[in-house]
Amino acid sequence: MPPSQGRALHVVWLALMLLTCASAWLLTDGPFGPPVATVGAFLIAAVKARWVILRFMELRAAPIAVRVFFEGAAFTVTALLLVVYSLTP
């Protein structure tokens, strides 16, 4: 692994840790109400899952069809979760 790629992974890892702290803050002491905090946590989780799969599982180097399938699946699952959450009383 070239040093620049290792550095990029460290930056992504640090971003993942900061997003974890942000989502925990949103769900506990954040200034937003529960609905906004929950939607924010869903979106943060989707971003984190995408980064882990693209960077650490090296899907970035996969054939375009595989990557398009993953990106579509990740978007669809996130959208479905948000729709179900918004329709729940």
N, C-alpha and C. Protein backbone atom coordinates (compact mmCIF):
# COMPACT_ATOMS: atom_id res chain seq x y z
N MET A 1 0.85 -1.17 0.00
CA MET A 1 0.00 0.00 0.00
C MET A 1 0.90 1.23 0.00
N PRO A 2 0.70 2.13 -0.97
CA PRO A 2 1.49 3.36 -0.99
C PRO A 2 1.17 4.23 0.22
N PRO A 3 2.15 5.04 0.65
CA PRO A 3 1.92 5.88 1.84
C PRO A 3 0.72 6.82 1.69
N SER A 4 0.49 7.34 0.49
CA SER A 4 -0.65 8.25 0.33
C SER A 4 -1.98 7.53 0.53
N GLN A 5 -2.06 6.26 0.11
CA GLN A 5 -3.28 5.50 0.30
C GLN A 5 -3.49 5.19 1.78
N GLY A 6 -2.41 4.87 2.49
CA GLY A 6 -2.51 4.63 3.92
C GLY A 6 -2.97 5.87 4.67
N ARG A 7 -2.47 7.03 4.24
CA ARG A 7 -2.87 8.29 4.86
C ARG A 7 -4.35 8.55 4.60
N ALA A 8 -4.80 8.26 3.38
CA ALA A 8 -6.22 8.45 3.05
C ALA A 8 -7.10 7.57 3.92
N LEU A 9 -6.66 6.33 4.16
CA LEU A 9 -7.44 5.44 5.03
C LEU A 9 -7.50 5.97 6.46
N HIS A 10 -6.41 6.56 6.91
CA HIS A 10 -6.42 7.14 8.25
C HIS A 10 -7.39 8.32 8.33
N VAL A 11 -7.44 9.11 7.28
CA VAL A 11 -8.37 10.25 7.26
C VAL A 11 -9.80 9.74 7.27
N VAL A 12 -10.09 8.70 6.49
CA VAL A 12 -11.44 8.13 6.47
C VAL A 12 -11.78 7.55 7.83
N TRP A 13 -10.82 6.86 8.44
CA TRP A 13 -11.05 6.28 9.77
C TRP A 13 -11.36 7.39 10.77
N LEU A 14 -10.61 8.48 10.73
CA LEU A 14 -10.86 9.59 11.64
C LEU A 14 -12.25 10.20 11.39
N ALA A 15 -12.62 10.34 10.12
CA ALA A 15 -13.94 10.86 9.79
C ALA A 15 -15.04 9.93 10.31
N LEU A 16 -14.82 8.62 10.21
CA LEU A 16 -15.80 7.66 10.73
C LEU A 16 -15.96 7.82 12.25
N MET A 17 -14.86 8.03 12.94
CA MET A 17 -14.93 8.22 14.39
C MET A 17 -15.68 9.51 14.73
N LEU A 18 -15.40 10.59 13.98
CA LEU A 18 -16.10 11.85 14.23
C LEU A 18 -17.59 11.73 13.93
N LEU A 19 -17.93 11.01 12.88
CA LEU A 19 -19.35 10.80 12.56
C LEU A 19 -20.04 9.95 13.64
N THR A 20 -19.32 9.00 14.20
CA THR A 20 -19.87 8.20 15.30
C THR A 20 -20.18 9.10 16.50
N CYS A 21 -19.25 9.98 16.82
CA CYS A 21 -19.48 10.91 17.92
C CYS A 21 -20.65 11.85 17.61
N ALA A 22 -20.73 12.31 16.36
CA ALA A 22 -21.82 13.21 15.97
C ALA A 22 -23.17 12.52 16.10
N SER A 23 -23.25 11.27 15.66
CA SER A 23 -24.53 10.57 15.75
C SER A 23 -24.90 10.30 17.20
N ALA A 24 -23.93 9.99 18.04
CA ALA A 24 -24.23 9.78 19.46
C ALA A 24 -24.70 11.09 20.10
N TRP A 25 -24.06 12.19 19.73
CA TRP A 25 -24.46 13.50 20.25
C TRP A 25 -25.86 13.86 19.79
N LEU A 26 -26.16 13.60 18.52
CA LEU A 26 -27.49 13.90 18.00
C LEU A 26 -28.58 13.17 18.77
N LEU A 27 -28.31 11.94 19.14
CA LEU A 27 -29.34 11.11 19.78
C LEU A 27 -29.41 11.32 21.29
N THR A 28 -28.47 12.06 21.87
CA THR A 28 -28.52 12.25 23.31
C THR A 28 -28.76 13.71 23.69
N ASP A 29 -27.77 14.56 23.49
CA ASP A 29 -27.86 15.93 23.98
C ASP A 29 -27.95 16.97 22.87
N GLY A 30 -28.20 16.54 21.67
CA GLY A 30 -28.23 17.48 20.55
C GLY A 30 -29.36 18.49 20.65
N PRO A 31 -29.25 19.57 19.91
CA PRO A 31 -30.26 20.63 19.97
C PRO A 31 -31.51 20.31 19.16
N PHE A 32 -31.52 19.20 18.48
CA PHE A 32 -32.64 18.87 17.60
C PHE A 32 -33.61 17.94 18.31
N GLY A 33 -34.84 17.93 17.84
CA GLY A 33 -35.84 17.02 18.38
C GLY A 33 -35.59 15.60 17.92
N PRO A 34 -36.28 14.64 18.52
CA PRO A 34 -36.08 13.23 18.17
C PRO A 34 -36.26 12.90 16.69
N PRO A 35 -37.25 13.44 15.98
CA PRO A 35 -37.39 13.07 14.56
C PRO A 35 -36.18 13.50 13.73
N VAL A 36 -35.70 14.72 13.94
CA VAL A 36 -34.56 15.22 13.17
C VAL A 36 -33.31 14.44 13.55
N ALA A 37 -33.14 14.17 14.83
CA ALA A 37 -31.97 13.41 15.27
C ALA A 37 -31.97 12.00 14.70
N THR A 38 -33.12 11.38 14.63
CA THR A 38 -33.21 10.02 14.08
C THR A 38 -32.89 10.00 12.60
N VAL A 39 -33.45 10.93 11.86
CA VAL A 39 -33.16 11.01 10.42
C VAL A 39 -31.67 11.29 10.21
N GLY A 40 -31.12 12.19 11.01
CA GLY A 40 -29.69 12.47 10.93
C GLY A 40 -28.84 11.24 11.21
N ALA A 41 -29.24 10.46 12.21
CA ALA A 41 -28.50 9.24 12.54
C ALA A 41 -28.58 8.23 11.40
N PHE A 42 -29.76 8.11 10.76
CA PHE A 42 -29.90 7.22 9.59
C PHE A 42 -28.95 7.64 8.48
N LEU A 43 -28.92 8.94 8.20
CA LEU A 43 -28.07 9.44 7.11
C LEU A 43 -26.58 9.29 7.43
N ILE A 44 -26.21 9.54 8.67
CA ILE A 44 -24.82 9.34 9.08
C ILE A 44 -24.44 7.87 8.95
N ALA A 45 -25.32 6.97 9.36
CA ALA A 45 -25.04 5.53 9.23
C ALA A 45 -24.87 5.13 7.77
N ALA A 46 -25.68 5.71 6.88
CA ALA A 46 -25.55 5.39 5.46
C ALA A 46 -24.22 5.86 4.90
N VAL A 47 -23.80 7.04 5.29
CA VAL A 47 -22.50 7.56 4.83
C VAL A 47 -21.37 6.69 5.36
N LYS A 48 -21.46 6.33 6.63
CA LYS A 48 -20.42 5.49 7.22
C LYS A 48 -20.34 4.12 6.54
N ALA A 49 -21.48 3.51 6.28
CA ALA A 49 -21.49 2.20 5.62
C ALA A 49 -20.87 2.31 4.23
N ARG A 50 -21.20 3.37 3.51
CA ARG A 50 -20.65 3.57 2.16
C ARG A 50 -19.14 3.72 2.22
N TRP A 51 -18.64 4.54 3.15
CA TRP A 51 -17.20 4.74 3.26
C TRP A 51 -16.47 3.45 3.62
N VAL A 52 -17.04 2.69 4.55
CA VAL A 52 -16.39 1.43 4.94
C VAL A 52 -16.32 0.48 3.75
N ILE A 53 -17.39 0.35 3.03
CA ILE A 53 -17.40 -0.60 1.92
C ILE A 53 -16.52 -0.11 0.77
N LEU A 54 -16.56 1.18 0.48
CA LEU A 54 -15.74 1.70 -0.63
C LEU A 54 -14.26 1.72 -0.29
N ARG A 55 -13.92 2.17 0.89
CA ARG A 55 -12.50 2.35 1.25
C ARG A 55 -11.86 1.09 1.84
N PHE A 56 -12.50 0.49 2.83
CA PHE A 56 -11.86 -0.60 3.54
C PHE A 56 -12.10 -1.96 2.90
N MET A 57 -13.20 -2.10 2.18
CA MET A 57 -13.45 -3.36 1.48
C MET A 57 -13.10 -3.24 0.00
N GLU A 58 -12.56 -2.08 -0.37
CA GLU A 58 -12.01 -1.79 -1.69
C GLU A 58 -13.00 -1.98 -2.83
N LEU A 59 -14.23 -1.59 -2.61
CA LEU A 59 -15.21 -1.64 -3.68
C LEU A 59 -14.93 -0.58 -4.74
N ARG A 60 -14.13 0.43 -4.40
CA ARG A 60 -13.79 1.47 -5.38
C ARG A 60 -13.11 0.87 -6.60
N ALA A 61 -12.40 -0.22 -6.42
CA ALA A 61 -11.67 -0.85 -7.52
C ALA A 61 -12.51 -1.94 -8.20
N ALA A 62 -13.73 -2.14 -7.78
CA ALA A 62 -14.60 -3.19 -8.36
C ALA A 62 -15.09 -2.76 -9.74
N PRO A 63 -15.53 -3.72 -10.53
CA PRO A 63 -16.13 -3.37 -11.82
C PRO A 63 -17.31 -2.41 -11.62
N ILE A 64 -17.53 -1.58 -12.62
CA ILE A 64 -18.54 -0.53 -12.51
C ILE A 64 -19.94 -1.09 -12.22
N ALA A 65 -20.26 -2.25 -12.79
CA ALA A 65 -21.59 -2.83 -12.55
C ALA A 65 -21.77 -3.18 -11.07
N VAL A 66 -20.75 -3.71 -10.45
CA VAL A 66 -20.82 -4.07 -9.02
C VAL A 66 -20.97 -2.80 -8.18
N ARG A 67 -20.19 -1.80 -8.53
CA ARG A 67 -20.26 -0.56 -7.76
C ARG A 67 -21.61 0.13 -7.92
N VAL A 68 -22.14 0.16 -9.14
CA VAL A 68 -23.46 0.77 -9.36
C VAL A 68 -24.53 0.00 -8.58
N PHE A 69 -24.43 -1.34 -8.58
CA PHE A 69 -25.39 -2.14 -7.81
C PHE A 69 -25.32 -1.78 -6.33
N PHE A 70 -24.11 -1.71 -5.78
CA PHE A 70 -23.96 -1.38 -4.37
C PHE A 70 -24.50 0.01 -4.07
N GLU A 71 -24.11 0.99 -4.89
CA GLU A 71 -24.56 2.36 -4.64
C GLU A 71 -26.09 2.44 -4.69
N GLY A 72 -26.69 1.75 -5.65
CA GLY A 72 -28.14 1.74 -5.75
C GLY A 72 -28.79 1.04 -4.57
N ALA A 73 -28.22 -0.06 -4.15
CA ALA A 73 -28.76 -0.79 -3.00
C ALA A 73 -28.66 0.03 -1.73
N ALA A 74 -27.52 0.68 -1.51
CA ALA A 74 -27.34 1.50 -0.32
C ALA A 74 -28.32 2.66 -0.30
N PHE A 75 -28.51 3.31 -1.44
CA PHE A 75 -29.46 4.41 -1.54
C PHE A 75 -30.88 3.91 -1.29
N THR A 76 -31.23 2.78 -1.89
CA THR A 76 -32.58 2.24 -1.76
C THR A 76 -32.89 1.86 -0.31
N VAL A 77 -31.97 1.18 0.34
CA VAL A 77 -32.19 0.77 1.73
C VAL A 77 -32.34 1.99 2.63
N THR A 78 -31.48 2.98 2.43
CA THR A 78 -31.57 4.19 3.24
C THR A 78 -32.90 4.90 3.00
N ALA A 79 -33.29 5.02 1.74
CA ALA A 79 -34.56 5.68 1.42
C ALA A 79 -35.74 4.92 2.03
N LEU A 80 -35.72 3.59 1.93
CA LEU A 80 -36.81 2.79 2.51
C LEU A 80 -36.88 2.95 4.02
N LEU A 81 -35.74 2.96 4.68
CA LEU A 81 -35.73 3.17 6.13
C LEU A 81 -36.32 4.53 6.50
N LEU A 82 -35.96 5.56 5.74
CA LEU A 82 -36.49 6.89 6.02
C LEU A 82 -37.99 6.97 5.75
N VAL A 83 -38.46 6.31 4.70
CA VAL A 83 -39.89 6.30 4.40
C VAL A 83 -40.66 5.57 5.49
N VAL A 84 -40.18 4.41 5.87
CA VAL A 84 -40.87 3.64 6.93
C VAL A 84 -40.88 4.44 8.23
N TYR A 85 -39.75 5.08 8.54
CA TYR A 85 -39.70 5.88 9.77
C TYR A 85 -40.69 7.04 9.70
N SER A 86 -40.76 7.69 8.54
CA SER A 86 -41.66 8.84 8.43
C SER A 86 -43.13 8.44 8.46
N LEU A 87 -43.45 7.21 8.07
CA LEU A 87 -44.83 6.75 8.08
C LEU A 87 -45.26 6.13 9.40
N THR A 88 -44.30 5.92 10.29
CA THR A 88 -44.60 5.33 11.58
C THR A 88 -45.15 6.39 12.52
N PRO A 89 -46.30 6.14 13.15
CA PRO A 89 -46.90 7.17 14.04
C PRO A 89 -46.08 7.38 15.30
